[in-house]
C-alpha atoms as a PDB file:
ATOM      1  CA  MET A   1    -133.295 148.473  17.833  1.00  0.00           C
ATOM      2  CA  LYS A   2    -132.487 144.896  18.628  1.00  0.00           C
ATOM      3  CA  ASN A   3    -131.599 143.283  21.840  1.00  0.00           C
ATOM      4  CA  LEU A   4    -129.173 140.555  20.805  1.00  0.00           C
ATOM      5  CA  SER A   5    -127.579 138.026  22.915  1.00  0.00           C
ATOM      6  CA  ARG A   6    -123.790 137.424  22.888  1.00  0.00           C
ATOM      7  CA  ASP A   7    -124.418 134.026  21.116  1.00  0.00           C
ATOM      8  CA  ARG A   8    -125.058 135.599  17.696  1.00  0.00           C
ATOM      9  CA  ALA A   9    -123.204 134.450  14.626  1.00  0.00           C
ATOM     10  CA  PHE A  10    -122.366 136.410  11.438  1.00  0.00           C
ATOM     11  CA  ASP A  11    -125.724 135.576   9.786  1.00  0.00           C
ATOM     12  CA  ASP A  12    -127.719 136.923  12.728  1.00  0.00           C
ATOM     13  CA  PHE A  13    -126.714 140.595  11.865  1.00  0.00           C
ATOM     14  CA  SER A  14    -128.267 142.577   9.153  1.00  0.00           C
ATOM     15  CA  ILE A  15    -127.382 145.929   7.600  1.00  0.00           C
ATOM     16  CA  GLY A  16    -129.360 148.592   9.421  1.00  0.00           C
ATOM     17  CA  ASP A  17    -129.598 146.760  12.737  1.00  0.00           C
ATOM     18  CA  THR A  18    -129.008 149.020  15.753  1.00  0.00           C
ATOM     19  CA  ILE A  19    -128.052 147.426  19.079  1.00  0.00           C
ATOM     20  CA  GLN A  20    -128.371 149.585  22.258  1.00  0.00           C
ATOM     21  CA  SER A  21    -125.939 148.847  25.079  1.00  0.00           C
ATOM     22  CA  LYS A  22    -126.511 149.033  28.773  1.00  0.00           C
ATOM     23  CA  GLY A  23    -125.261 152.182  30.534  1.00  0.00           C
ATOM     24  CA  ARG A  24    -121.957 152.470  32.426  1.00  0.00           C
ATOM     25  CA  THR A  25    -120.731 155.312  34.609  1.00  0.00           C
ATOM     26  CA  VAL A  26    -117.079 156.229  33.984  1.00  0.00           C
ATOM     27  CA  THR A  27    -115.679 156.496  37.574  1.00  0.00           C
ATOM     28  CA  GLU A  28    -112.799 158.399  39.036  1.00  0.00           C
ATOM     29  CA  THR A  29    -111.116 155.105  39.632  1.00  0.00           C
ATOM     30  CA  ASP A  30    -111.386 154.227  35.877  1.00  0.00           C
ATOM     31  CA  VAL A  31    -109.586 157.351  35.045  1.00  0.00           C
ATOM     32  CA  VAL A  32    -106.864 157.055  37.807  1.00  0.00           C
ATOM     33  CA  MET A  33    -106.166 153.410  36.873  1.00  0.00           C
ATOM     34  CA  PHE A  34    -106.038 154.091  33.111  1.00  0.00           C
ATOM     35  CA  THR A  35    -103.718 157.153  33.355  1.00  0.00           C
ATOM     36  CA  GLY A  36    -101.571 155.208  35.765  1.00  0.00           C
ATOM     37  CA  ILE A  37    -101.324 152.013  33.595  1.00  0.00           C
ATOM     38  CA  ALA A  38    -100.781 154.084  30.372  1.00  0.00           C
ATOM     39  CA  GLY A  39     -98.234 156.466  31.989  1.00  0.00           C
ATOM     40  CA  ILE A  40    -100.417 159.580  31.115  1.00  0.00           C
ATOM     41  CA  LYS A  41     -99.454 162.656  32.918  1.00  0.00           C
ATOM     42  CA  ALA A  42    -101.126 165.394  30.938  1.00  0.00           C
ATOM     43  CA  PRO A  43    -102.790 167.918  33.294  1.00  0.00           C
ATOM     44  CA  ILE A  44    -106.083 167.984  31.344  1.00  0.00           C
ATOM     45  CA  PHE A  45    -106.583 164.447  32.641  1.00  0.00           C
ATOM     46  CA  VAL A  46    -104.882 164.345  35.987  1.00  0.00           C
ATOM     47  CA  ASP A  47    -104.730 167.899  37.525  1.00  0.00           C
ATOM     48  CA  ALA A  48    -108.098 169.386  38.685  1.00  0.00           C
ATOM     49  CA  GLU A  49    -106.543 172.635  39.762  1.00  0.00           C
ATOM     50  CA  HIS A  50    -104.723 173.174  36.481  1.00  0.00           C
ATOM     51  CA  CYS A  51    -108.019 172.452  34.696  1.00  0.00           C
ATOM     52  CA  LYS A  52    -109.963 175.100  36.673  1.00  0.00           C
ATOM     53  CA  LEU A  53    -107.453 177.788  35.511  1.00  0.00           C
ATOM     54  CA  HIS A  54    -106.418 176.697  32.126  1.00  0.00           C
ATOM     55  CA  SER A  55    -108.887 174.256  30.521  1.00  0.00           C
ATOM     56  CA  PRO A  56    -111.780 175.468  28.344  1.00  0.00           C
ATOM     57  CA  PHE A  57    -113.881 172.801  30.132  1.00  0.00           C
ATOM     58  CA  GLY A  58    -113.014 174.017  33.638  1.00  0.00           C
ATOM     59  CA  ARG A  59    -112.466 170.469  34.786  1.00  0.00           C
ATOM     60  CA  ARG A  60    -110.644 167.209  33.963  1.00  0.00           C
ATOM     61  CA  ILE A  61    -111.651 165.154  30.949  1.00  0.00           C
ATOM     62  CA  VAL A  62    -111.483 161.388  30.370  1.00  0.00           C
ATOM     63  CA  PRO A  63    -108.646 160.438  28.044  1.00  0.00           C
ATOM     64  CA  GLY A  64    -109.807 159.739  24.477  1.00  0.00           C
ATOM     65  CA  LEU A  65    -108.180 156.291  24.461  1.00  0.00           C
ATOM     66  CA  LEU A  66    -110.031 155.289  27.659  1.00  0.00           C
ATOM     67  CA  THR A  67    -113.209 156.568  25.968  1.00  0.00           C
ATOM     68  CA  ALA A  68    -112.409 154.313  22.993  1.00  0.00           C
ATOM     69  CA  ALA A  69    -111.822 151.289  25.261  1.00  0.00           C
ATOM     70  CA  ILE A  70    -115.058 151.793  27.051  1.00  0.00           C
ATOM     71  CA  ALA A  71    -116.913 152.107  23.664  1.00  0.00           C
ATOM     72  CA  ALA A  72    -115.327 148.888  22.456  1.00  0.00           C
ATOM     73  CA  GLY A  73    -116.192 147.152  25.787  1.00  0.00           C
ATOM     74  CA  MET A  74    -119.864 148.238  25.401  1.00  0.00           C
ATOM     75  CA  MET A  75    -120.133 146.106  22.273  1.00  0.00           C
ATOM     76  CA  GLU A  76    -121.021 143.159  24.523  1.00  0.00           C
ATOM     77  CA  ASP A  77    -124.153 142.293  22.500  1.00  0.00           C
ATOM     78  CA  VAL A  78    -122.094 141.907  19.400  1.00  0.00           C
ATOM     79  CA  LEU A  79    -118.880 140.452  20.688  1.00  0.00           C
ATOM     80  CA  GLY A  80    -119.215 136.898  21.899  1.00  0.00           C
ATOM     81  CA  PHE A  81    -118.508 133.263  21.105  1.00  0.00           C
ATOM     82  CA  TYR A  82    -118.714 133.818  17.338  1.00  0.00           C
ATOM     83  CA  THR A  83    -116.258 136.697  17.228  1.00  0.00           C
ATOM     84  CA  VAL A  84    -112.891 135.663  15.812  1.00  0.00           C
ATOM     85  CA  ALA A  85    -110.995 138.906  15.607  1.00  0.00           C
ATOM     86  CA  ALA A  86    -111.169 142.695  15.323  1.00  0.00           C
ATOM     87  CA  LEU A  87    -109.799 143.556  11.933  1.00  0.00           C
ATOM     88  CA  GLU A  88    -110.039 147.272  11.892  1.00  0.00           C
ATOM     89  CA  ILE A  89    -110.829 150.347  13.939  1.00  0.00           C
ATOM     90  CA  LYS A  90    -110.907 153.638  12.164  1.00  0.00           C
ATOM     91  CA  GLU A  91    -112.496 157.089  11.878  1.00  0.00           C
ATOM     92  CA  MET A  92    -112.357 157.721  15.652  1.00  0.00           C
ATOM     93  CA  LYS A  93    -114.099 160.984  16.492  1.00  0.00           C
ATOM     94  CA  PHE A  94    -114.382 162.832  19.729  1.00  0.00           C
ATOM     95  CA  PRO A  95    -117.047 165.505  19.202  1.00  0.00           C
ATOM     96  CA  THR A  96    -117.537 166.425  22.910  1.00  0.00           C
ATOM     97  CA  PRO A  97    -115.433 165.542  25.984  1.00  0.00           C
ATOM     98  CA  LEU A  98    -116.377 162.819  28.380  1.00  0.00           C
ATOM     99  CA  PHE A  99    -115.984 163.678  31.965  1.00  0.00           C
ATOM    100  CA  PRO A 100    -115.371 161.555  35.069  1.00  0.00           C
ATOM    101  CA  ASN A 101    -118.813 160.492  36.483  1.00  0.00           C
ATOM    102  CA  ASP A 102    -120.612 160.684  33.231  1.00  0.00           C
ATOM    103  CA  THR A 103    -122.770 157.746  32.302  1.00  0.00           C
ATOM    104  CA  VAL A 104    -122.530 156.447  28.802  1.00  0.00           C
ATOM    105  CA  SER A 105    -124.289 153.987  26.594  1.00  0.00           C
ATOM    106  CA  ALA A 106    -123.441 152.918  23.020  1.00  0.00           C
ATOM    107  CA  GLN A 107    -125.476 152.487  19.920  1.00  0.00           C
ATOM    108  CA  ILE A 108    -123.866 149.915  17.639  1.00  0.00           C
ATOM    109  CA  HIS A 109    -125.013 150.231  14.037  1.00  0.00           C
ATOM    110  CA  ILE A 110    -124.440 147.362  11.569  1.00  0.00           C
ATOM    111  CA  VAL A 111    -123.203 149.156   8.472  1.00  0.00           C
ATOM    112  CA  ASP A 112    -122.166 146.267   6.298  1.00  0.00           C
ATOM    113  CA  THR A 113    -122.038 142.405   6.259  1.00  0.00           C
ATOM    114  CA  LYS A 114    -119.875 140.442   3.827  1.00  0.00           C
ATOM    115  CA  PRO A 115    -119.384 136.568   3.863  1.00  0.00           C
ATOM    116  CA  THR A 116    -115.778 135.466   3.348  1.00  0.00           C
ATOM    117  CA  SER A 117    -114.734 133.214   0.512  1.00  0.00           C
ATOM    118  CA  ASP A 118    -114.148 130.255   2.889  1.00  0.00           C
ATOM    119  CA  GLY A 119    -117.905 130.075   3.570  1.00  0.00           C
ATOM    120  CA  LYS A 120    -117.216 129.675   7.398  1.00  0.00           C
ATOM    121  CA  HIS A 121    -116.818 133.383   8.323  1.00  0.00           C
ATOM    122  CA  GLY A 122    -118.051 136.842   7.587  1.00  0.00           C
ATOM    123  CA  VAL A 123    -117.020 140.393   8.195  1.00  0.00           C
ATOM    124  CA  ILE A 124    -119.424 142.853   9.903  1.00  0.00           C
ATOM    125  CA  THR A 125    -118.778 146.586   9.784  1.00  0.00           C
ATOM    126  CA  VAL A 126    -120.074 148.503  12.763  1.00  0.00           C
ATOM    127  CA  ARG A 127    -120.342 152.158  13.686  1.00  0.00           C
ATOM    128  CA  ASN A 128    -120.273 152.537  17.391  1.00  0.00           C
ATOM    129  CA  GLU A 129    -121.615 155.798  18.862  1.00  0.00           C
ATOM    130  CA  LEU A 130    -121.118 156.598  22.515  1.00  0.00           C
ATOM    131  CA  HIS A 131    -123.522 159.071  24.177  1.00  0.00           C
ATOM    132  CA  ASN A 132    -123.535 160.542  27.660  1.00  0.00           C
ATOM    133  CA  GLN A 133    -126.391 160.705  30.072  1.00  0.00           C
ATOM    134  CA  GLY A 134    -127.781 163.852  28.321  1.00  0.00           C
ATOM    135  CA  GLY A 135    -127.849 162.138  24.975  1.00  0.00           C
ATOM    136  CA  VAL A 136    -124.771 164.055  23.642  1.00  0.00           C
ATOM    137  CA  GLN A 137    -122.479 162.085  21.446  1.00  0.00           C
ATOM    138  CA  VAL A 138    -118.981 161.899  22.999  1.00  0.00           C
ATOM    139  CA  PHE A 139    -117.291 159.375  20.748  1.00  0.00           C
ATOM    140  CA  GLU A 140    -117.687 157.417  17.523  1.00  0.00           C
ATOM    141  CA  PHE A 141    -115.655 154.855  15.608  1.00  0.00           C
ATOM    142  CA  THR A 142    -116.073 152.447  12.691  1.00  0.00           C
ATOM    143  CA  GLY A 143    -114.706 148.944  12.993  1.00  0.00           C
ATOM    144  CA  LYS A 144    -114.691 145.540  11.240  1.00  0.00           C
ATOM    145  CA  LEU A 145    -115.030 142.253  13.047  1.00  0.00           C
ATOM    146  CA  LEU A 146    -114.356 138.793  11.667  1.00  0.00           C
ATOM    147  CA  MET A 147    -117.273 136.493  12.845  1.00  0.00           C
ATOM    148  CA  LYS A 148    -117.987 132.807  12.479  1.00  0.00           C
ATOM    149  CA  ARG A 149    -121.034 131.675  10.554  1.00  0.00           C
ATOM    150  CA  ALA A 150    -123.578 129.469  12.387  1.00  0.00           C
ATOM    151  CA  PRO A 151    -122.880 125.681  11.853  1.00  0.00           C
END
């Protein structure tokens, strides 16, 4: 696994690279603010008593789109000065729920690299896997990023 800085251009990434993020605890405040901003009122996310009685998990879970946002944010060692745009996010998978107060980290795998025809940019394809403190995978997505090439 590589520890990369945020100042990496397209040519600094190779197929097969894996970048390990730092950890981050998903707080109660994260969930409350996200559900409030998004207008989410589903009991599985906001009602602990409902979850005790009716959820197969027995407690609230973190909304999937918040999990996805956290995973995207954990790509800090990929995203930086040379990132131009996100082009695609697909194949989002939620194999196991994420719970408030879980600590997550991401493994970002470089799946593909293709220079663009202008010679100034390239597209990297990443697979981002988010794992909880027990090493259990809670989320995965594949994405494409348009990156500048080094001068």
